[in-house]
Amino acid sequence: MKDVVKLRGRDLTRQGCIDAAKEIALDKGWKTPKSQKFVVVIDGKECPPKKIASAVTGLPVSGFSGGAELNGKFVSLGFEVRAK
């Protein structure tokens, strides 16, 4: 398990993901889009991978791809990724 992986030249950190998941859990207006195929499980919460990665790296959600490549980064950080 790693503490940091790179996403488009930016650091995606394990602790940053945990912190972002806490913030997203407070965002009561967030809904899972029907097009979303995966969730990353952080502290027992199912979270949107791209939204977490964006919050941690500062990259816009439209600035990188999701799917297998992004999911692999979360797995490298020690998180579970599930099909939605």
PDB file of N, CA and C in Angstrom:
ATOM      1  N   MET A   1       0.845  -1.172   0.000  1.00  0.00           N
ATOM      2  CA  MET A   1       0.000   0.000   0.000  1.00  0.00           C
ATOM      3  C   MET A   1       0.893   1.239   0.000  1.00  0.00           C
ATOM      4  N   LYS A   2       0.510   2.198  -0.827  1.00  0.00           N
ATOM      5  CA  LYS A   2       1.269   3.439  -0.929  1.00  0.00           C
ATOM      6  C   LYS A   2       0.544   4.557  -0.183  1.00  0.00           C
ATOM      7  N   ASP A   3       1.278   5.596   0.132  1.00  0.00           N
ATOM      8  CA  ASP A   3       0.676   6.787   0.744  1.00  0.00           C
ATOM      9  C   ASP A   3       0.376   7.859  -0.290  1.00  0.00           C
ATOM     10  N   VAL A   4       1.102   7.802  -1.437  1.00  0.00           N
ATOM     11  CA  VAL A   4       0.953   8.817  -2.485  1.00  0.00           C
ATOM     12  C   VAL A   4       1.082   8.150  -3.853  1.00  0.00           C
ATOM     13  N   VAL A   5       0.201   8.526  -4.781  1.00  0.00           N
ATOM     14  CA  VAL A   5       0.331   8.162  -6.191  1.00  0.00           C
ATOM     15  C   VAL A   5       0.149   9.442  -7.003  1.00  0.00           C
ATOM     16  N   LYS A   6       0.581   9.424  -8.231  1.00  0.00           N
ATOM     17  CA  LYS A   6       0.477  10.603  -9.097  1.00  0.00           C
ATOM     18  C   LYS A   6      -0.755  10.500  -9.995  1.00  0.00           C
ATOM     19  N   LEU A   7      -1.428  11.632 -10.160  1.00  0.00           N
ATOM     20  CA  LEU A   7      -2.540  11.751 -11.100  1.00  0.00           C
ATOM     21  C   LEU A   7      -2.293  13.019 -11.894  1.00  0.00           C
ATOM     22  N   ARG A   8      -1.958  12.846 -13.169  1.00  0.00           N
ATOM     23  CA  ARG A   8      -1.650  13.976 -14.052  1.00  0.00           C
ATOM     24  C   ARG A   8      -0.641  14.930 -13.416  1.00  0.00           C
ATOM     25  N   GLY A   9       0.384  14.351 -12.791  1.00  0.00           N
ATOM     26  CA  GLY A   9       1.459  15.135 -12.205  1.00  0.00           C
ATOM     27  C   GLY A   9       1.166  15.702 -10.819  1.00  0.00           C
ATOM     28  N   ARG A  10      -0.005  15.417 -10.290  1.00  0.00           N
ATOM     29  CA  ARG A  10      -0.385  15.904  -8.958  1.00  0.00           C
ATOM     30  C   ARG A  10      -0.423  14.734  -7.973  1.00  0.00           C
ATOM     31  N   ASP A  11      -0.228  15.051  -6.697  1.00  0.00           N
ATOM     32  CA  ASP A  11      -0.245  14.016  -5.665  1.00  0.00           C
ATOM     33  C   ASP A  11      -1.672  13.654  -5.257  1.00  0.00           C
ATOM     34  N   LEU A  12      -1.985  12.382  -5.319  1.00  0.00           N
ATOM     35  CA  LEU A  12      -3.224  11.833  -4.781  1.00  0.00           C
ATOM     36  C   LEU A  12      -2.787  11.043  -3.553  1.00  0.00           C
ATOM     37  N   THR A  13      -3.095  11.575  -2.362  1.00  0.00           N
ATOM     38  CA  THR A  13      -2.609  10.971  -1.130  1.00  0.00           C
ATOM     39  C   THR A  13      -3.710  10.187  -0.415  1.00  0.00           C
ATOM     40  N   ARG A  14      -3.278   9.185   0.317  1.00  0.00           N
ATOM     41  CA  ARG A  14      -4.226   8.378   1.090  1.00  0.00           C
ATOM     42  C   ARG A  14      -4.963   9.254   2.108  1.00  0.00           C
ATOM     43  N   GLN A  15      -4.225  10.068   2.863  1.00  0.00           N
ATOM     44  CA  GLN A  15      -4.866  10.916   3.867  1.00  0.00           C
ATOM     45  C   GLN A  15      -5.769  11.963   3.216  1.00  0.00           C
ATOM     46  N   GLY A  16      -5.353  12.492   2.087  1.00  0.00           N
ATOM     47  CA  GLY A  16      -6.193  13.454   1.369  1.00  0.00           C
ATOM     48  C   GLY A  16      -7.523  12.832   0.966  1.00  0.00           C
ATOM     49  N   CYS A  17      -7.492  11.568   0.541  1.00  0.00           N
ATOM     50  CA  CYS A  17      -8.728  10.863   0.165  1.00  0.00           C
ATOM     51  C   CYS A  17      -9.638  10.680   1.372  1.00  0.00           C
ATOM     52  N   ILE A  18      -9.050  10.344   2.509  1.00  0.00           N
ATOM     53  CA  ILE A  18      -9.840  10.168   3.731  1.00  0.00           C
ATOM     54  C   ILE A  18     -10.493  11.496   4.120  1.00  0.00           C
ATOM     55  N   ASP A  19      -9.723  12.565   4.060  1.00  0.00           N
ATOM     56  CA  ASP A  19     -10.257  13.891   4.397  1.00  0.00           C
ATOM     57  C   ASP A  19     -11.359  14.314   3.426  1.00  0.00           C
ATOM     58  N   ALA A  20     -11.145  14.072   2.132  1.00  0.00           N
ATOM     59  CA  ALA A  20     -12.144  14.440   1.127  1.00  0.00           C
ATOM     60  C   ALA A  20     -13.432  13.636   1.311  1.00  0.00           C
ATOM     61  N   ALA A  21     -13.304  12.359   1.680  1.00  0.00           N
ATOM     62  CA  ALA A  21     -14.484  11.517   1.908  1.00  0.00           C
ATOM     63  C   ALA A  21     -15.328  12.075   3.049  1.00  0.00           C
ATOM     64  N   LYS A  22     -14.672  12.587   4.087  1.00  0.00           N
ATOM     65  CA  LYS A  22     -15.401  13.195   5.205  1.00  0.00           C
ATOM     66  C   LYS A  22     -16.175  14.409   4.738  1.00  0.00           C
ATOM     67  N   GLU A  23     -15.572  15.230   3.891  1.00  0.00           N
ATOM     68  CA  GLU A  23     -16.239  16.417   3.365  1.00  0.00           C
ATOM     69  C   GLU A  23     -17.420  16.040   2.472  1.00  0.00           C
ATOM     70  N   ILE A  24     -17.230  15.044   1.628  1.00  0.00           N
ATOM     71  CA  ILE A  24     -18.292  14.621   0.716  1.00  0.00           C
ATOM     72  C   ILE A  24     -19.460  14.034   1.495  1.00  0.00           C
ATOM     73  N   ALA A  25     -19.162  13.332   2.588  1.00  0.00           N
ATOM     74  CA  ALA A  25     -20.234  12.772   3.425  1.00  0.00           C
ATOM     75  C   ALA A  25     -21.110  13.887   3.991  1.00  0.00           C
ATOM     76  N   LEU A  26     -20.544  15.066   4.174  1.00  0.00           N
ATOM     77  CA  LEU A  26     -21.311  16.199   4.692  1.00  0.00           C
ATOM     78  C   LEU A  26     -22.135  16.881   3.603  1.00  0.00           C
ATOM     79  N   ASP A  27     -21.799  16.598   2.337  1.00  0.00           N
ATOM     80  CA  ASP A  27     -22.498  17.197   1.196  1.00  0.00           C
ATOM     81  C   ASP A  27     -23.772  16.404   0.945  1.00  0.00           C
ATOM     82  N   LYS A  28     -24.843  16.799   1.600  1.00  0.00           N
ATOM     83  CA  LYS A  28     -26.090  16.042   1.539  1.00  0.00           C
ATOM     84  C   LYS A  28     -26.780  16.130   0.182  1.00  0.00           C
ATOM     85  N   GLY A  29     -26.377  17.085  -0.643  1.00  0.00           N
ATOM     86  CA  GLY A  29     -26.997  17.245  -1.953  1.00  0.00           C
ATOM     87  C   GLY A  29     -26.416  16.341  -3.025  1.00  0.00           C
ATOM     88  N   TRP A  30     -25.351  15.588  -2.698  1.00  0.00           N
ATOM     89  CA  TRP A  30     -24.710  14.766  -3.713  1.00  0.00           C
ATOM     90  C   TRP A  30     -25.518  13.518  -3.992  1.00  0.00           C
ATOM     91  N   LYS A  31     -25.727  13.225  -5.259  1.00  0.00           N
ATOM     92  CA  LYS A  31     -26.435  12.016  -5.693  1.00  0.00           C
ATOM     93  C   LYS A  31     -25.529  11.245  -6.653  1.00  0.00           C
ATOM     94  N   THR A  32     -25.626   9.937  -6.621  1.00  0.00           N
ATOM     95  CA  THR A  32     -24.852   9.111  -7.539  1.00  0.00           C
ATOM     96  C   THR A  32     -25.456   9.206  -8.935  1.00  0.00           C
ATOM     97  N   PRO A  33     -24.706   9.717  -9.911  1.00  0.00           N
ATOM     98  CA  PRO A  33     -25.242   9.765 -11.273  1.00  0.00           C
ATOM     99  C   PRO A  33     -25.437   8.351 -11.829  1.00  0.00           C
ATOM    100  N   LYS A  34     -26.425   8.176 -12.663  1.00  0.00           N
ATOM    101  CA  LYS A  34     -26.672   6.856 -13.252  1.00  0.00           C
ATOM    102  C   LYS A  34     -25.493   6.382 -14.083  1.00  0.00           C
ATOM    103  N   SER A  35     -24.734   7.324 -14.639  1.00  0.00           N
ATOM    104  CA  SER A  35     -23.596   6.960 -15.476  1.00  0.00           C
ATOM    105  C   SER A  35     -22.394   6.469 -14.675  1.00  0.00           C
ATOM    106  N   GLN A  36     -22.400   6.683 -13.359  1.00  0.00           N
ATOM    107  CA  GLN A  36     -21.269   6.262 -12.531  1.00  0.00           C
ATOM    108  C   GLN A  36     -21.249   4.750 -12.420  1.00  0.00           C
ATOM    109  N   LYS A  37     -20.085   4.166 -12.714  1.00  0.00           N
ATOM    110  CA  LYS A  37     -19.966   2.713 -12.723  1.00  0.00           C
ATOM    111  C   LYS A  37     -19.252   2.155 -11.503  1.00  0.00           C
ATOM    112  N   PHE A  38     -18.475   3.004 -10.798  1.00  0.00           N
ATOM    113  CA  PHE A  38     -17.687   2.541  -9.669  1.00  0.00           C
ATOM    114  C   PHE A  38     -17.797   3.493  -8.494  1.00  0.00           C
ATOM    115  N   VAL A  39     -17.555   2.962  -7.306  1.00  0.00           N
ATOM    116  CA  VAL A  39     -17.414   3.769  -6.094  1.00  0.00           C
ATOM    117  C   VAL A  39     -16.143   3.314  -5.395  1.00  0.00           C
ATOM    118  N   VAL A  40     -15.513   4.236  -4.689  1.00  0.00           N
ATOM    119  CA  VAL A  40     -14.368   3.899  -3.856  1.00  0.00           C
ATOM    120  C   VAL A  40     -14.864   3.918  -2.412  1.00  0.00           C
ATOM    121  N   VAL A  41     -14.494   2.901  -1.656  1.00  0.00           N
ATOM    122  CA  VAL A  41     -14.962   2.779  -0.271  1.00  0.00           C
ATOM    123  C   VAL A  41     -13.878   3.332   0.654  1.00  0.00           C
ATOM    124  N   ILE A  42     -14.248   4.394   1.367  1.00  0.00           N
ATOM    125  CA  ILE A  42     -13.324   5.056   2.286  1.00  0.00           C
ATOM    126  C   ILE A  42     -14.023   5.184   3.630  1.00  0.00           C
ATOM    127  N   ASP A  43     -13.440   4.593   4.648  1.00  0.00           N
ATOM    128  CA  ASP A  43     -14.039   4.592   5.993  1.00  0.00           C
ATOM    129  C   ASP A  43     -15.486   4.113   5.973  1.00  0.00           C
ATOM    130  N   GLY A  44     -15.749   3.081   5.156  1.00  0.00           N
ATOM    131  CA  GLY A  44     -17.076   2.483   5.093  1.00  0.00           C
ATOM    132  C   GLY A  44     -18.082   3.245   4.244  1.00  0.00           C
ATOM    133  N   LYS A  45     -17.673   4.371   3.657  1.00  0.00           N
ATOM    134  CA  LYS A  45     -18.577   5.182   2.834  1.00  0.00           C
ATOM    135  C   LYS A  45     -18.281   4.958   1.357  1.00  0.00           C
ATOM    136  N   GLU A  46     -19.322   4.784   0.564  1.00  0.00           N
ATOM    137  CA  GLU A  46     -19.152   4.691  -0.883  1.00  0.00           C
ATOM    138  C   GLU A  46     -19.062   6.103  -1.441  1.00  0.00           C
ATOM    139  N   CYS A  47     -17.950   6.409  -2.080  1.00  0.00           N
ATOM    140  CA  CYS A  47     -17.692   7.758  -2.588  1.00  0.00           C
ATOM    141  C   CYS A  47     -17.416   7.725  -4.085  1.00  0.00           C
ATOM    142  N   PRO A  48     -17.694   8.834  -4.761  1.00  0.00           N
ATOM    143  CA  PRO A  48     -17.410   8.923  -6.196  1.00  0.00           C
ATOM    144  C   PRO A  48     -15.912   9.118  -6.442  1.00  0.00           C
ATOM    145  N   PRO A  49     -15.267   8.197  -7.138  1.00  0.00           N
ATOM    146  CA  PRO A  49     -13.813   8.279  -7.320  1.00  0.00           C
ATOM    147  C   PRO A  49     -13.333   9.595  -7.927  1.00  0.00           C
ATOM    148  N   LYS A  50     -13.990  10.055  -8.986  1.00  0.00           N
ATOM    149  CA  LYS A  50     -13.510  11.279  -9.634  1.00  0.00           C
ATOM    150  C   LYS A  50     -13.679  12.497  -8.736  1.00  0.00           C
ATOM    151  N   LYS A  51     -14.750  12.540  -7.971  1.00  0.00           N
ATOM    152  CA  LYS A  51     -14.963  13.671  -7.072  1.00  0.00           C
ATOM    153  C   LYS A  51     -13.903  13.680  -5.970  1.00  0.00           C
ATOM    154  N   ILE A  52     -13.572  12.526  -5.439  1.00  0.00           N
ATOM    155  CA  ILE A  52     -12.525  12.422  -4.422  1.00  0.00           C
ATOM    156  C   ILE A  52     -11.182  12.857  -5.017  1.00  0.00           C
ATOM    157  N   ALA A  53     -10.836  12.303  -6.179  1.00  0.00           N
ATOM    158  CA  ALA A  53      -9.557  12.634  -6.809  1.00  0.00           C
ATOM    159  C   ALA A  53      -9.465  14.125  -7.121  1.00  0.00           C
ATOM    160  N   SER A  54     -10.542  14.712  -7.576  1.00  0.00           N
ATOM    161  CA  SER A  54     -10.564  16.142  -7.871  1.00  0.00           C
ATOM    162  C   SER A  54     -10.345  16.968  -6.609  1.00  0.00           C
ATOM    163  N   ALA A  55     -11.021  16.593  -5.538  1.00  0.00           N
ATOM    164  CA  ALA A  55     -10.886  17.333  -4.275  1.00  0.00           C
ATOM    165  C   ALA A  55      -9.453  17.273  -3.747  1.00  0.00           C
ATOM    166  N   VAL A  56      -8.801  16.151  -3.921  1.00  0.00           N
ATOM    167  CA  VAL A  56      -7.444  15.980  -3.385  1.00  0.00           C
ATOM    168  C   VAL A  56      -6.401  16.672  -4.263  1.00  0.00           C
ATOM    169  N   THR A  57      -6.533  16.543  -5.573  1.00  0.00           N
ATOM    170  CA  THR A  57      -5.498  17.054  -6.480  1.00  0.00           C
ATOM    171  C   THR A  57      -5.735  18.488  -6.944  1.00  0.00           C
ATOM    172  N   GLY A  58      -6.973  18.951  -6.846  1.00  0.00           N
ATOM    173  CA  GLY A  58      -7.290  20.279  -7.367  1.00  0.00           C
ATOM    174  C   GLY A  58      -7.565  20.285  -8.858  1.00  0.00           C
ATOM    175  N   LEU A  59      -7.490  19.128  -9.502  1.00  0.00           N
ATOM    176  CA  LEU A  59      -7.806  19.025 -10.928  1.00  0.00           C
ATOM    177  C   LEU A  59      -9.320  19.011 -11.108  1.00  0.00           C
ATOM    178  N   PRO A  60      -9.843  19.615 -12.168  1.00  0.00           N
ATOM    179  CA  PRO A  60     -11.281  19.515 -12.404  1.00  0.00           C
ATOM    180  C   PRO A  60     -11.653  18.080 -12.770  1.00  0.00           C
ATOM    181  N   VAL A  61     -12.850  17.675 -12.436  1.00  0.00           N
ATOM    182  CA  VAL A  61     -13.317  16.314 -12.739  1.00  0.00           C
ATOM    183  C   VAL A  61     -13.195  16.022 -14.230  1.00  0.00           C
ATOM    184  N   SER A  62     -13.393  17.041 -15.044  1.00  0.00           N
ATOM    185  CA  SER A  62     -13.286  16.856 -16.498  1.00  0.00           C
ATOM    186  C   SER A  62     -11.835  16.779 -16.971  1.00  0.00           C
ATOM    187  N   GLY A  63     -10.875  16.984 -16.065  1.00  0.00           N
ATOM    188  CA  GLY A  63      -9.472  17.027 -16.444  1.00  0.00           C
ATOM    189  C   GLY A  63      -8.755  15.689 -16.437  1.00  0.00           C
ATOM    190  N   PHE A  64      -9.457  14.593 -16.134  1.00  0.00           N
ATOM    191  CA  PHE A  64      -8.835  13.274 -16.117  1.00  0.00           C
ATOM    192  C   PHE A  64      -9.921  12.218 -16.304  1.00  0.00           C
ATOM    193  N   SER A  65      -9.474  11.019 -16.669  1.00  0.00           N
ATOM    194  CA  SER A  65     -10.404   9.921 -16.909  1.00  0.00           C
ATOM    195  C   SER A  65     -10.617   9.108 -15.644  1.00  0.00           C
ATOM    196  N   GLY A  66     -11.772   8.482 -15.563  1.00  0.00           N
ATOM    197  CA  GLY A  66     -12.057   7.559 -14.468  1.00  0.00           C
ATOM    198  C   GLY A  66     -11.755   6.156 -14.935  1.00  0.00           C
ATOM    199  N   GLY A  67     -12.525   5.218 -14.461  1.00  0.00           N
ATOM    200  CA  GLY A  67     -12.381   3.835 -14.891  1.00  0.00           C
ATOM    201  C   GLY A  67     -11.173   3.136 -14.306  1.00  0.00           C
ATOM    202  N   ALA A  68     -10.670   2.166 -15.046  1.00  0.00           N
ATOM    203  CA  ALA A  68      -9.630   1.262 -14.547  1.00  0.00           C
ATOM    204  C   ALA A  68      -8.378   1.999 -14.075  1.00  0.00           C
ATOM    205  N   GLU A  69      -7.939   3.004 -14.806  1.00  0.00           N
ATOM    206  CA  GLU A  69      -6.706   3.703 -14.425  1.00  0.00           C
ATOM    207  C   GLU A  69      -6.859   4.408 -13.076  1.00  0.00           C
ATOM    208  N   LEU A  70      -7.928   5.168 -12.904  1.00  0.00           N
ATOM    209  CA  LEU A  70      -8.151   5.869 -11.644  1.00  0.00           C
ATOM    210  C   LEU A  70      -8.439   4.879 -10.516  1.00  0.00           C
ATOM    211  N   ASN A  71      -9.260   3.873 -10.804  1.00  0.00           N
ATOM    212  CA  ASN A  71      -9.573   2.873  -9.781  1.00  0.00           C
ATOM    213  C   ASN A  71      -8.306   2.193  -9.275  1.00  0.00           C
ATOM    214  N   GLY A  72      -7.371   1.918 -10.164  1.00  0.00           N
ATOM    215  CA  GLY A  72      -6.107   1.298  -9.779  1.00  0.00           C
ATOM    216  C   GLY A  72      -5.304   2.162  -8.819  1.00  0.00           C
ATOM    217  N   LYS A  73      -5.406   3.470  -8.988  1.00  0.00           N
ATOM    218  CA  LYS A  73      -4.702   4.374  -8.080  1.00  0.00           C
ATOM    219  C   LYS A  73      -5.281   4.272  -6.670  1.00  0.00           C
ATOM    220  N   PHE A  74      -6.605   4.185  -6.574  1.00  0.00           N
ATOM    221  CA  PHE A  74      -7.228   4.030  -5.264  1.00  0.00           C
ATOM    222  C   PHE A  74      -6.857   2.691  -4.627  1.00  0.00           C
ATOM    223  N   VAL A  75      -6.813   1.643  -5.429  1.00  0.00           N
ATOM    224  CA  VAL A  75      -6.410   0.329  -4.914  1.00  0.00           C
ATOM    225  C   VAL A  75      -4.966   0.394  -4.415  1.00  0.00           C
ATOM    226  N   SER A  76      -4.088   1.090  -5.151  1.00  0.00           N
ATOM    227  CA  SER A  76      -2.696   1.249  -4.725  1.00  0.00           C
ATOM    228  C   SER A  76      -2.592   1.970  -3.384  1.00  0.00           C
ATOM    229  N   LEU A  77      -3.566   2.847  -3.111  1.00  0.00           N
ATOM    230  CA  LEU A  77      -3.592   3.579  -1.842  1.00  0.00           C
ATOM    231  C   LEU A  77      -4.238   2.761  -0.722  1.00  0.00           C
ATOM    232  N   GLY A  78      -4.705   1.542  -1.050  1.00  0.00           N
ATOM    233  CA  GLY A  78      -5.254   0.650  -0.035  1.00  0.00           C
ATOM    234  C   GLY A  78      -6.761   0.711   0.124  1.00  0.00           C
ATOM    235  N   PHE A  79      -7.461   1.331  -0.835  1.00  0.00           N
ATOM    236  CA  PHE A  79      -8.908   1.431  -0.760  1.00  0.00           C
ATOM    237  C   PHE A  79      -9.574   0.367  -1.639  1.00  0.00           C
ATOM    238  N   GLU A  80     -10.777  -0.001  -1.279  1.00  0.00           N
ATOM    239  CA  GLU A  80     -11.580  -0.919  -2.073  1.00  0.00           C
ATOM    240  C   GLU A  80     -12.340  -0.124  -3.127  1.00  0.00           C
ATOM    241  N   VAL A  81     -12.426  -0.654  -4.328  1.00  0.00           N
ATOM    242  CA  VAL A  81     -13.239  -0.067  -5.394  1.00  0.00           C
ATOM    243  C   VAL A  81     -14.284  -1.104  -5.764  1.00  0.00           C
ATOM    244  N   ARG A  82     -15.539  -0.667  -5.812  1.00  0.00           N
ATOM    245  CA  ARG A  82     -16.652  -1.568  -6.137  1.00  0.00           C
ATOM    246  C   ARG A  82     -17.380  -1.087  -7.384  1.00  0.00           C
ATOM    247  N   ALA A  83     -17.903  -2.062  -8.139  1.00  0.00           N
ATOM    248  CA  ALA A  83     -18.805  -1.725  -9.238  1.00  0.00           C
ATOM    249  C   ALA A  83     -20.119  -1.233  -8.640  1.00  0.00           C
ATOM    250  N   LYS A  84     -20.683  -0.237  -9.227  1.00  0.00           N
ATOM    251  CA  LYS A  84     -21.944   0.333  -8.719  1.00  0.00           C
ATOM    252  C   LYS A  84     -23.103  -0.395  -9.318  1.00  0.00           C
TER     253      LYS A  84
END
